[in-house]
Amino acid sequence: MSELSWWFAPHPDWEATEDWPEEVPVVRYETEGEVAVIDPFLPPDDSFDPQGKSVRVLLTQGAHYRGTSDFVERYGASVWAPPRAVWRRFPNPATTDELPRGVEAIELDGEPQQVVFFIPEHATLVSGDVLSGTGGRLHVFVDEADPVRLLPALDALADLAIERVIIPHGDLILSDGAARIRAAVAEAQSA
């Protein structure tokens, strides 16, 4: 049995001109023996307590290294990073290539810098910057990816049993996640 929760923390690079909220989500996935945090910042109230369990940091992409060093220094966290990512701003922080039980990393064809995490027990997909959105709608952010390959890879995600989609910039999707991913891909394909 596992627990899934999240908190919001202010993004240090946020500016008032951004088209996304100042606070970004940090996902906490806890099992009997460990606590995994995805794209982490410490909670603003400093309330993170692993209760003696080992701590694992999972990164969707290099740019989301963010507060990883806080978790490594305070809790001795291991770090999992996308295996194909190129680390431009700092060395690859990965210290393990093993994911926690119950978490799947899905590499996206056409976007080697990012992965998405699927947590089947909670019907939840955790995305890096490839998905964003507001008002209950998701949007595909292609950036440097190859859209010809990326869009079908994202569309294939909609075949998974996804209810929730936790995105780094925008409103979280708490229901109908697979359908909203498919709609975002269709919108991107028609643009």
N, C-alpha and C. Protein backbone atom coordinates (compact mmCIF):
# COMPACT_ATOMS: atom_id res chain seq x y z
N MET A 1 0.84 -1.18 0.00
CA MET A 1 0.00 0.00 0.00
C MET A 1 0.89 1.25 0.00
N SER A 2 0.46 2.25 -0.70
CA SER A 2 1.24 3.48 -0.81
C SER A 2 0.33 4.69 -0.64
N GLU A 3 0.97 5.82 -0.39
CA GLU A 3 0.24 7.08 -0.28
C GLU A 3 0.82 8.07 -1.29
N LEU A 4 -0.06 8.82 -1.90
CA LEU A 4 0.35 9.86 -2.85
C LEU A 4 -0.21 11.19 -2.38
N SER A 5 0.66 12.18 -2.30
CA SER A 5 0.22 13.52 -1.91
C SER A 5 1.13 14.52 -2.61
N TRP A 6 0.84 15.79 -2.42
CA TRP A 6 1.69 16.83 -2.99
C TRP A 6 1.54 18.10 -2.17
N TRP A 7 2.53 18.94 -2.30
CA TRP A 7 2.47 20.27 -1.71
C TRP A 7 2.92 21.25 -2.78
N PHE A 8 2.73 22.52 -2.51
CA PHE A 8 3.14 23.56 -3.45
C PHE A 8 4.22 24.40 -2.81
N ALA A 9 5.20 24.77 -3.62
CA ALA A 9 6.31 25.60 -3.15
C ALA A 9 6.57 26.70 -4.17
N PRO A 10 6.99 27.86 -3.71
CA PRO A 10 7.28 28.95 -4.65
C PRO A 10 8.48 28.61 -5.53
N HIS A 11 8.36 28.90 -6.80
CA HIS A 11 9.46 28.68 -7.74
C HIS A 11 10.38 29.90 -7.68
N PRO A 12 11.66 29.71 -7.41
CA PRO A 12 12.56 30.86 -7.21
C PRO A 12 12.78 31.71 -8.46
N ASP A 13 12.54 31.16 -9.64
CA ASP A 13 12.75 31.92 -10.87
C ASP A 13 11.47 32.54 -11.42
N TRP A 14 10.36 32.41 -10.69
CA TRP A 14 9.08 32.93 -11.17
C TRP A 14 9.11 34.45 -11.18
N GLU A 15 8.50 35.03 -12.21
CA GLU A 15 8.34 36.48 -12.32
C GLU A 15 6.88 36.77 -12.62
N ALA A 16 6.44 37.95 -12.26
CA ALA A 16 5.03 38.33 -12.43
C ALA A 16 4.57 38.26 -13.88
N THR A 17 5.49 38.29 -14.82
CA THR A 17 5.12 38.23 -16.24
C THR A 17 4.91 36.79 -16.74
N GLU A 18 5.19 35.80 -15.89
CA GLU A 18 5.03 34.40 -16.29
C GLU A 18 3.55 34.09 -16.53
N ASP A 19 3.29 33.10 -17.40
CA ASP A 19 1.91 32.68 -17.64
C ASP A 19 1.57 31.41 -16.87
N TRP A 20 2.29 31.16 -15.80
CA TRP A 20 2.03 30.03 -14.93
C TRP A 20 2.12 30.49 -13.47
N PRO A 21 1.48 29.74 -12.56
CA PRO A 21 1.45 30.16 -11.16
C PRO A 21 2.84 30.18 -10.51
N GLU A 22 2.98 31.03 -9.52
CA GLU A 22 4.25 31.14 -8.80
C GLU A 22 4.61 29.85 -8.07
N GLU A 23 3.60 29.16 -7.56
CA GLU A 23 3.86 27.94 -6.82
C GLU A 23 3.76 26.72 -7.74
N VAL A 24 4.69 25.80 -7.55
CA VAL A 24 4.73 24.58 -8.36
C VAL A 24 4.55 23.36 -7.45
N PRO A 25 3.99 22.28 -7.98
CA PRO A 25 3.74 21.11 -7.14
C PRO A 25 4.99 20.25 -6.95
N VAL A 26 5.08 19.66 -5.78
CA VAL A 26 6.08 18.64 -5.48
C VAL A 26 5.29 17.40 -5.07
N VAL A 27 5.53 16.31 -5.77
CA VAL A 27 4.80 15.07 -5.51
C VAL A 27 5.57 14.23 -4.49
N ARG A 28 4.82 13.69 -3.54
CA ARG A 28 5.37 12.78 -2.52
C ARG A 28 4.67 11.43 -2.70
N TYR A 29 5.47 10.40 -2.94
CA TYR A 29 4.95 9.04 -3.09
C TYR A 29 5.62 8.20 -2.00
N GLU A 30 4.82 7.71 -1.09
CA GLU A 30 5.36 7.02 0.08
C GLU A 30 4.90 5.57 0.12
N THR A 31 5.88 4.68 0.30
CA THR A 31 5.59 3.27 0.48
C THR A 31 6.02 2.87 1.89
N GLU A 32 5.91 1.61 2.18
CA GLU A 32 6.26 1.13 3.52
C GLU A 32 7.71 1.45 3.88
N GLY A 33 8.61 1.42 2.90
CA GLY A 33 10.03 1.57 3.22
C GLY A 33 10.71 2.83 2.73
N GLU A 34 10.03 3.63 1.91
CA GLU A 34 10.71 4.81 1.37
C GLU A 34 9.74 5.91 0.98
N VAL A 35 10.31 7.09 0.81
CA VAL A 35 9.55 8.26 0.37
C VAL A 35 10.24 8.80 -0.88
N ALA A 36 9.49 8.89 -1.96
CA ALA A 36 10.02 9.48 -3.19
C ALA A 36 9.39 10.86 -3.36
N VAL A 37 10.20 11.82 -3.78
CA VAL A 37 9.71 13.15 -4.11
C VAL A 37 10.10 13.43 -5.55
N ILE A 38 9.16 14.01 -6.30
CA ILE A 38 9.39 14.25 -7.72
C ILE A 38 9.55 15.74 -7.96
N ASP A 39 10.66 16.10 -8.64
CA ASP A 39 10.98 17.50 -8.96
C ASP A 39 10.86 18.38 -7.72
N PRO A 40 11.67 18.12 -6.69
CA PRO A 40 11.36 18.67 -5.38
C PRO A 40 11.87 20.08 -5.06
N PHE A 41 11.12 20.70 -4.20
CA PHE A 41 11.50 21.82 -3.34
C PHE A 41 11.04 21.40 -1.95
N LEU A 42 11.73 21.84 -0.93
CA LEU A 42 11.23 21.61 0.43
C LEU A 42 9.91 22.36 0.60
N PRO A 43 9.01 21.84 1.44
CA PRO A 43 7.77 22.58 1.68
C PRO A 43 8.08 23.92 2.35
N PRO A 44 7.30 24.95 2.05
CA PRO A 44 7.55 26.28 2.63
C PRO A 44 7.58 26.27 4.16
N ASP A 45 6.81 25.39 4.78
CA ASP A 45 6.79 25.34 6.24
C ASP A 45 7.82 24.36 6.80
N ASP A 46 8.69 23.83 5.92
CA ASP A 46 9.76 22.92 6.31
C ASP A 46 9.22 21.67 7.03
N SER A 47 8.05 21.21 6.61
CA SER A 47 7.38 20.11 7.31
C SER A 47 7.71 18.72 6.77
N PHE A 48 8.61 18.61 5.81
CA PHE A 48 8.92 17.30 5.25
C PHE A 48 9.53 16.42 6.33
N ASP A 49 8.94 15.26 6.55
CA ASP A 49 9.44 14.31 7.54
C ASP A 49 9.32 12.91 6.95
N PRO A 50 10.44 12.30 6.60
CA PRO A 50 10.37 10.95 6.03
C PRO A 50 10.15 9.85 7.07
N GLN A 51 10.10 10.22 8.34
CA GLN A 51 9.84 9.27 9.43
C GLN A 51 10.79 8.08 9.40
N GLY A 52 12.06 8.38 9.17
CA GLY A 52 13.09 7.34 9.19
C GLY A 52 13.19 6.51 7.92
N LYS A 53 12.35 6.77 6.95
CA LYS A 53 12.40 6.02 5.69
C LYS A 53 13.46 6.61 4.76
N SER A 54 13.96 5.78 3.86
CA SER A 54 14.91 6.30 2.87
C SER A 54 14.18 7.25 1.93
N VAL A 55 14.92 8.24 1.44
CA VAL A 55 14.35 9.27 0.58
C VAL A 55 14.93 9.12 -0.82
N ARG A 56 14.06 9.23 -1.82
CA ARG A 56 14.47 9.13 -3.22
C ARG A 56 13.98 10.37 -3.95
N VAL A 57 14.84 11.01 -4.70
CA VAL A 57 14.45 12.12 -5.57
C VAL A 57 14.33 11.58 -6.98
N LEU A 58 13.22 11.89 -7.64
CA LEU A 58 13.01 11.50 -9.04
C LEU A 58 12.86 12.78 -9.84
N LEU A 59 13.61 12.90 -10.91
CA LEU A 59 13.57 14.11 -11.74
C LEU A 59 12.95 13.81 -13.10
N THR A 60 11.99 14.65 -13.51
CA THR A 60 11.41 14.51 -14.83
C THR A 60 12.34 15.06 -15.90
N GLN A 61 13.20 16.00 -15.52
CA GLN A 61 14.12 16.63 -16.47
C GLN A 61 15.20 17.39 -15.70
N GLY A 62 16.26 17.72 -16.40
CA GLY A 62 17.37 18.40 -15.76
C GLY A 62 17.02 19.75 -15.17
N ALA A 63 16.17 20.50 -15.84
CA ALA A 63 15.80 21.83 -15.35
C ALA A 63 15.04 21.76 -14.04
N HIS A 64 14.55 20.60 -13.67
CA HIS A 64 13.81 20.47 -12.42
C HIS A 64 14.67 19.95 -11.28
N TYR A 65 15.98 20.12 -11.41
CA TYR A 65 16.90 19.76 -10.32
C TYR A 65 16.53 20.53 -9.06
N ARG A 66 16.19 21.78 -9.21
CA ARG A 66 15.62 22.67 -8.21
C ARG A 66 16.15 22.42 -6.80
N GLY A 67 15.34 21.87 -5.93
CA GLY A 67 15.73 21.68 -4.53
C GLY A 67 16.33 20.33 -4.23
N THR A 68 16.80 19.62 -5.24
CA THR A 68 17.34 18.28 -5.05
C THR A 68 18.45 18.26 -4.01
N SER A 69 19.37 19.21 -4.08
CA SER A 69 20.50 19.20 -3.15
C SER A 69 20.05 19.30 -1.70
N ASP A 70 18.93 20.00 -1.43
CA ASP A 70 18.41 20.06 -0.06
C ASP A 70 18.05 18.66 0.44
N PHE A 71 17.44 17.85 -0.41
CA PHE A 71 17.05 16.50 -0.01
C PHE A 71 18.26 15.58 0.12
N VAL A 72 19.25 15.78 -0.74
CA VAL A 72 20.47 14.98 -0.65
C VAL A 72 21.21 15.32 0.64
N GLU A 73 21.37 16.62 0.92
CA GLU A 73 22.13 17.04 2.10
C GLU A 73 21.41 16.71 3.41
N ARG A 74 20.12 16.98 3.48
CA ARG A 74 19.38 16.78 4.74
C ARG A 74 19.02 15.33 5.02
N TYR A 75 18.68 14.59 3.96
CA TYR A 75 18.11 13.25 4.16
C TYR A 75 18.90 12.14 3.49
N GLY A 76 20.03 12.47 2.88
CA GLY A 76 20.82 11.45 2.20
C GLY A 76 20.11 10.82 1.02
N ALA A 77 19.26 11.58 0.35
CA ALA A 77 18.44 11.06 -0.74
C ALA A 77 19.29 10.54 -1.90
N SER A 78 18.82 9.46 -2.50
CA SER A 78 19.37 9.03 -3.77
C SER A 78 18.64 9.81 -4.86
N VAL A 79 19.23 9.88 -6.04
CA VAL A 79 18.66 10.68 -7.13
C VAL A 79 18.55 9.83 -8.39
N TRP A 80 17.36 9.82 -8.99
CA TRP A 80 17.14 9.20 -10.29
C TRP A 80 16.88 10.32 -11.29
N ALA A 81 17.56 10.26 -12.44
CA ALA A 81 17.42 11.28 -13.47
C ALA A 81 17.17 10.61 -14.82
N PRO A 82 16.53 11.33 -15.76
CA PRO A 82 16.28 10.75 -17.08
C PRO A 82 17.58 10.28 -17.73
N PRO A 83 17.64 9.03 -18.15
CA PRO A 83 18.90 8.46 -18.63
C PRO A 83 19.43 9.08 -19.92
N ARG A 84 18.57 9.66 -20.76
CA ARG A 84 19.04 10.24 -22.02
C ARG A 84 19.27 11.75 -21.95
N ALA A 85 18.99 12.35 -20.81
CA ALA A 85 19.09 13.81 -20.70
C ALA A 85 20.54 14.27 -20.78
N VAL A 86 20.72 15.43 -21.37
CA VAL A 86 22.02 16.09 -21.42
C VAL A 86 22.01 17.14 -20.32
N TRP A 87 23.01 17.10 -19.46
CA TRP A 87 23.07 18.02 -18.33
C TRP A 87 23.93 19.21 -18.70
N ARG A 88 23.29 20.35 -18.85
CA ARG A 88 23.98 21.55 -19.32
C ARG A 88 24.43 22.45 -18.18
N ARG A 89 23.59 22.60 -17.16
CA ARG A 89 23.88 23.57 -16.10
C ARG A 89 24.73 23.00 -14.98
N PHE A 90 24.71 21.71 -14.80
CA PHE A 90 25.50 21.08 -13.76
C PHE A 90 25.66 19.60 -14.11
N PRO A 91 26.56 18.89 -13.42
CA PRO A 91 26.76 17.47 -13.73
C PRO A 91 25.51 16.65 -13.44
N ASN A 92 25.39 15.55 -14.15
CA ASN A 92 24.27 14.63 -13.92
C ASN A 92 24.28 14.21 -12.45
N PRO A 93 23.18 14.47 -11.73
CA PRO A 93 23.17 14.17 -10.30
C PRO A 93 22.76 12.75 -9.95
N ALA A 94 22.49 11.92 -10.96
CA ALA A 94 21.96 10.57 -10.70
C ALA A 94 22.92 9.76 -9.84
N THR A 95 22.36 9.12 -8.82
CA THR A 95 23.14 8.21 -7.98
C THR A 95 22.55 6.80 -8.01
N THR A 96 21.44 6.64 -8.73
CA THR A 96 20.82 5.32 -8.85
C THR A 96 20.10 5.23 -10.19
N ASP A 97 19.98 4.02 -10.70
CA ASP A 97 19.18 3.82 -11.91
C ASP A 97 17.94 3.00 -11.59
N GLU A 98 17.66 2.81 -10.31
CA GLU A 98 16.48 2.06 -9.88
C GLU A 98 15.39 3.01 -9.41
N LEU A 99 14.18 2.73 -9.85
CA LEU A 99 13.02 3.51 -9.43
C LEU A 99 12.34 2.83 -8.24
N PRO A 100 11.61 3.59 -7.45
CA PRO A 100 10.84 2.96 -6.38
C PRO A 100 9.79 2.02 -6.95
N ARG A 101 9.48 0.99 -6.22
CA ARG A 101 8.42 0.06 -6.63
C ARG A 101 7.12 0.85 -6.77
N GLY A 102 6.42 0.64 -7.87
CA GLY A 102 5.14 1.32 -8.09
C GLY A 102 5.24 2.57 -8.94
N VAL A 103 6.46 2.94 -9.35
CA VAL A 103 6.65 4.12 -10.20
C VAL A 103 7.30 3.67 -11.50
N GLU A 104 6.71 4.08 -12.62
CA GLU A 104 7.27 3.78 -13.93
C GLU A 104 7.73 5.08 -14.58
N ALA A 105 8.95 5.09 -15.11
CA ALA A 105 9.43 6.23 -15.89
C ALA A 105 9.18 5.91 -17.36
N ILE A 106 8.51 6.81 -18.04
CA ILE A 106 8.21 6.60 -19.46
C ILE A 106 8.99 7.62 -20.27
N GLU A 107 9.92 7.10 -21.08
CA GLU A 107 10.68 7.98 -21.97
C GLU A 107 9.80 8.31 -23.16
N LEU A 108 9.86 9.55 -23.58
CA LEU A 108 9.02 10.03 -24.67
C LEU A 108 9.83 10.11 -25.96
N ASP A 109 9.41 9.38 -26.96
CA ASP A 109 10.07 9.46 -28.26
C ASP A 109 10.02 10.91 -28.73
N GLY A 110 11.13 11.41 -29.21
CA GLY A 110 11.19 12.78 -29.71
C GLY A 110 11.54 13.80 -28.64
N GLU A 111 11.61 13.39 -27.37
CA GLU A 111 11.95 14.31 -26.27
C GLU A 111 12.90 13.60 -25.30
N PRO A 112 14.20 13.54 -25.65
CA PRO A 112 15.13 12.80 -24.82
C PRO A 112 15.47 13.47 -23.49
N GLN A 113 15.12 14.74 -23.33
CA GLN A 113 15.49 15.46 -22.11
C GLN A 113 14.53 15.21 -20.95
N GLN A 114 13.37 14.63 -21.21
CA GLN A 114 12.35 14.48 -20.18
C GLN A 114 11.79 13.06 -20.14
N VAL A 115 11.25 12.73 -18.98
CA VAL A 115 10.41 11.54 -18.82
C VAL A 115 9.13 12.00 -18.13
N VAL A 116 8.13 11.14 -18.16
CA VAL A 116 6.96 11.31 -17.31
C VAL A 116 6.93 10.10 -16.38
N PHE A 117 6.37 10.28 -15.20
CA PHE A 117 6.26 9.19 -14.25
C PHE A 117 4.80 8.76 -14.16
N PHE A 118 4.57 7.46 -14.26
CA PHE A 118 3.24 6.90 -14.12
C PHE A 118 3.20 6.10 -12.83
N ILE A 119 2.20 6.38 -12.00
CA ILE A 119 2.01 5.68 -10.74
C ILE A 119 0.67 4.97 -10.84
N PRO A 120 0.67 3.72 -11.35
CA PRO A 120 -0.58 3.03 -11.66
C PRO A 120 -1.55 2.90 -10.48
N GLU A 121 -1.03 2.59 -9.29
CA GLU A 121 -1.90 2.40 -8.13
C GLU A 121 -2.77 3.63 -7.86
N HIS A 122 -2.27 4.79 -8.23
CA HIS A 122 -3.00 6.04 -7.99
C HIS A 122 -3.51 6.66 -9.29
N ALA A 123 -3.40 5.94 -10.40
CA ALA A 123 -3.87 6.43 -11.71
C ALA A 123 -3.38 7.84 -11.98
N THR A 124 -2.09 8.06 -11.69
CA THR A 124 -1.52 9.41 -11.76
C THR A 124 -0.31 9.45 -12.68
N LEU A 125 -0.27 10.48 -13.52
CA LEU A 125 0.88 10.77 -14.36
C LEU A 125 1.49 12.07 -13.85
N VAL A 126 2.81 12.07 -13.66
CA VAL A 126 3.53 13.27 -13.24
C VAL A 126 4.40 13.68 -14.42
N SER A 127 4.19 14.89 -14.89
CA SER A 127 4.85 15.37 -16.11
C SER A 127 5.90 16.42 -15.80
N GLY A 128 6.89 16.47 -16.68
CA GLY A 128 7.79 17.61 -16.71
C GLY A 128 7.15 18.70 -17.55
N ASP A 129 7.95 19.55 -18.14
CA ASP A 129 7.43 20.72 -18.87
C ASP A 129 6.72 20.37 -20.17
N VAL A 130 6.75 19.13 -20.59
CA VAL A 130 6.13 18.76 -21.87
C VAL A 130 4.61 18.98 -21.83
N LEU A 131 4.02 18.96 -20.64
CA LEU A 131 2.59 19.27 -20.49
C LEU A 131 2.43 20.44 -19.52
N SER A 132 1.55 21.35 -19.86
CA SER A 132 1.18 22.45 -18.97
C SER A 132 -0.31 22.65 -19.15
N GLY A 133 -0.88 23.63 -18.48
CA GLY A 133 -2.30 23.87 -18.70
C GLY A 133 -2.95 24.72 -17.65
N THR A 134 -4.11 25.23 -18.01
CA THR A 134 -4.93 26.02 -17.09
C THR A 134 -6.40 25.74 -17.38
N GLY A 135 -7.23 26.01 -16.41
CA GLY A 135 -8.67 25.88 -16.62
C GLY A 135 -9.14 24.49 -16.99
N GLY A 136 -8.43 23.46 -16.53
CA GLY A 136 -8.84 22.09 -16.83
C GLY A 136 -8.39 21.57 -18.18
N ARG A 137 -7.65 22.39 -18.93
CA ARG A 137 -7.15 21.95 -20.25
C ARG A 137 -5.65 21.80 -20.19
N LEU A 138 -5.16 20.75 -20.81
CA LEU A 138 -3.72 20.55 -20.94
C LEU A 138 -3.25 21.11 -22.27
N HIS A 139 -1.97 21.49 -22.29
CA HIS A 139 -1.32 21.96 -23.51
C HIS A 139 0.02 21.25 -23.65
N VAL A 140 0.38 20.92 -24.87
CA VAL A 140 1.67 20.31 -25.14
C VAL A 140 2.68 21.42 -25.37
N PHE A 141 3.81 21.32 -24.66
CA PHE A 141 4.90 22.28 -24.83
C PHE A 141 6.04 21.54 -25.53
N VAL A 142 6.23 21.84 -26.81
CA VAL A 142 7.19 21.08 -27.63
C VAL A 142 8.62 21.53 -27.38
N ASP A 143 8.87 22.83 -27.25
CA ASP A 143 10.20 23.39 -27.03
C ASP A 143 11.18 22.84 -28.06
N GLU A 144 12.21 22.13 -27.63
CA GLU A 144 13.24 21.62 -28.55
C GLU A 144 12.96 20.20 -29.03
N ALA A 145 11.83 19.65 -28.65
CA ALA A 145 11.50 18.27 -29.01
C ALA A 145 11.10 18.17 -30.48
N ASP A 146 11.09 16.96 -30.99
CA ASP A 146 10.64 16.67 -32.35
C ASP A 146 9.14 16.37 -32.29
N PRO A 147 8.27 17.30 -32.73
CA PRO A 147 6.83 17.09 -32.58
C PRO A 147 6.30 15.89 -33.38
N VAL A 148 6.95 15.56 -34.49
CA VAL A 148 6.49 14.44 -35.30
C VAL A 148 6.58 13.14 -34.50
N ARG A 149 7.57 13.04 -33.65
CA ARG A 149 7.73 11.84 -32.82
C ARG A 149 7.09 12.00 -31.44
N LEU A 150 7.14 13.22 -30.89
CA LEU A 150 6.63 13.45 -29.54
C LEU A 150 5.12 13.30 -29.44
N LEU A 151 4.39 13.88 -30.37
CA LEU A 151 2.92 13.87 -30.25
C LEU A 151 2.34 12.45 -30.23
N PRO A 152 2.78 11.53 -31.10
CA PRO A 152 2.28 10.15 -30.98
C PRO A 152 2.68 9.49 -29.65
N ALA A 153 3.87 9.83 -29.15
CA ALA A 153 4.29 9.27 -27.85
C ALA A 153 3.38 9.75 -26.73
N LEU A 154 3.03 11.03 -26.76
CA LEU A 154 2.10 11.55 -25.76
C LEU A 154 0.71 10.95 -25.93
N ASP A 155 0.27 10.80 -27.17
CA ASP A 155 -1.04 10.22 -27.42
C ASP A 155 -1.12 8.79 -26.87
N ALA A 156 -0.03 8.05 -26.97
CA ALA A 156 0.00 6.68 -26.44
C ALA A 156 -0.19 6.65 -24.92
N LEU A 157 0.21 7.73 -24.24
CA LEU A 157 -0.01 7.79 -22.79
C LEU A 157 -1.49 7.71 -22.44
N ALA A 158 -2.33 8.23 -23.33
CA ALA A 158 -3.77 8.25 -23.07
C ALA A 158 -4.37 6.85 -23.06
N ASP A 159 -3.60 5.84 -23.48
CA ASP A 159 -4.08 4.46 -23.39
C ASP A 159 -3.92 3.90 -21.97
N LEU A 160 -3.18 4.62 -21.12
CA LEU A 160 -3.00 4.19 -19.74
C LEU A 160 -4.20 4.64 -18.90
N ALA A 161 -4.40 3.99 -17.79
CA ALA A 161 -5.51 4.35 -16.88
C ALA A 161 -5.09 5.56 -16.04
N ILE A 162 -5.19 6.74 -16.64
CA ILE A 162 -4.76 7.98 -15.99
C ILE A 162 -5.98 8.82 -15.62
N GLU A 163 -6.12 9.10 -14.36
CA GLU A 163 -7.14 10.03 -13.89
C GLU A 163 -6.52 11.40 -13.63
N ARG A 164 -5.40 11.41 -12.88
CA ARG A 164 -4.77 12.67 -12.49
C ARG A 164 -3.52 12.91 -13.32
N VAL A 165 -3.30 14.17 -13.67
CA VAL A 165 -2.07 14.59 -14.34
C VAL A 165 -1.52 15.76 -13.53
N ILE A 166 -0.36 15.55 -12.95
CA ILE A 166 0.28 16.59 -12.16
C ILE A 166 1.33 17.23 -13.03
N ILE A 167 1.11 18.51 -13.33
CA ILE A 167 1.99 19.26 -14.24
C ILE A 167 2.75 20.30 -13.44
N PRO A 168 3.95 20.68 -13.91
CA PRO A 168 4.76 21.60 -13.13
C PRO A 168 4.30 23.06 -13.20
N HIS A 169 3.64 23.42 -14.27
CA HIS A 169 3.26 24.83 -14.45
C HIS A 169 1.82 24.90 -14.90
N GLY A 170 0.92 25.18 -14.00
CA GLY A 170 -0.49 25.28 -14.34
C GLY A 170 -1.36 24.56 -13.35
N ASP A 171 -2.61 24.35 -13.74
CA ASP A 171 -3.58 23.71 -12.87
C ASP A 171 -3.48 22.19 -12.97
N LEU A 172 -3.49 21.53 -11.82
CA LEU A 172 -3.44 20.08 -11.82
C LEU A 172 -4.75 19.53 -12.38
N ILE A 173 -4.64 18.40 -13.05
CA ILE A 173 -5.81 17.70 -13.58
C ILE A 173 -6.13 16.59 -12.59
N LEU A 174 -7.31 16.63 -11.99
CA LEU A 174 -7.66 15.66 -10.96
C LEU A 174 -8.65 14.60 -11.42
N SER A 175 -9.13 14.69 -12.67
CA SER A 175 -10.01 13.66 -13.22
C SER A 175 -9.90 13.66 -14.74
N ASP A 176 -10.25 12.55 -15.35
CA ASP A 176 -10.25 12.41 -16.81
C ASP A 176 -8.89 12.73 -17.45
N GLY A 177 -7.82 12.36 -16.78
CA GLY A 177 -6.49 12.69 -17.26
C GLY A 177 -6.17 12.17 -18.64
N ALA A 178 -6.48 10.90 -18.90
CA ALA A 178 -6.16 10.31 -20.21
C ALA A 178 -6.87 11.06 -21.33
N ALA A 179 -8.15 11.36 -21.14
CA ALA A 179 -8.91 12.08 -22.17
C ALA A 179 -8.35 13.48 -22.39
N ARG A 180 -7.89 14.11 -21.33
CA ARG A 180 -7.35 15.48 -21.47
C ARG A 180 -5.99 15.47 -22.15
N ILE A 181 -5.21 14.41 -21.93
CA ILE A 181 -3.95 14.28 -22.67
C ILE A 181 -4.25 14.12 -24.15
N ARG A 182 -5.18 13.24 -24.47
CA ARG A 182 -5.54 13.01 -25.88
C ARG A 182 -6.03 14.30 -26.53
N ALA A 183 -6.83 15.09 -25.82
CA ALA A 183 -7.33 16.36 -26.36
C ALA A 183 -6.18 17.34 -26.58
N ALA A 184 -5.21 17.37 -25.68
CA ALA A 184 -4.06 18.27 -25.84
C ALA A 184 -3.24 17.89 -27.06
N VAL A 185 -3.06 16.60 -27.27
CA VAL A 185 -2.32 16.13 -28.44
C VAL A 185 -3.07 16.50 -29.72
N ALA A 186 -4.37 16.29 -29.74
CA ALA A 186 -5.17 16.63 -30.92
C ALA A 186 -5.07 18.13 -31.22
N GLU A 187 -5.12 18.95 -30.18
CA GLU A 187 -4.99 20.40 -30.36
C GLU A 187 -3.61 20.75 -30.93
N ALA A 188 -2.56 20.12 -30.41
CA ALA A 188 -1.20 20.39 -30.89
C ALA A 188 -1.03 19.93 -32.34
N GLN A 189 -1.65 18.82 -32.70
CA GLN A 189 -1.54 18.32 -34.07
C GLN A 189 -2.25 19.22 -35.06
N SER A 190 -3.30 19.89 -34.61
CA SER A 190 -4.06 20.75 -35.53
C SER A 190 -3.49 22.17 -35.60
N ALA A 191 -2.54 22.47 -34.75
CA ALA A 191 -1.97 23.83 -34.73
C ALA A 191 -0.95 24.03 -35.84
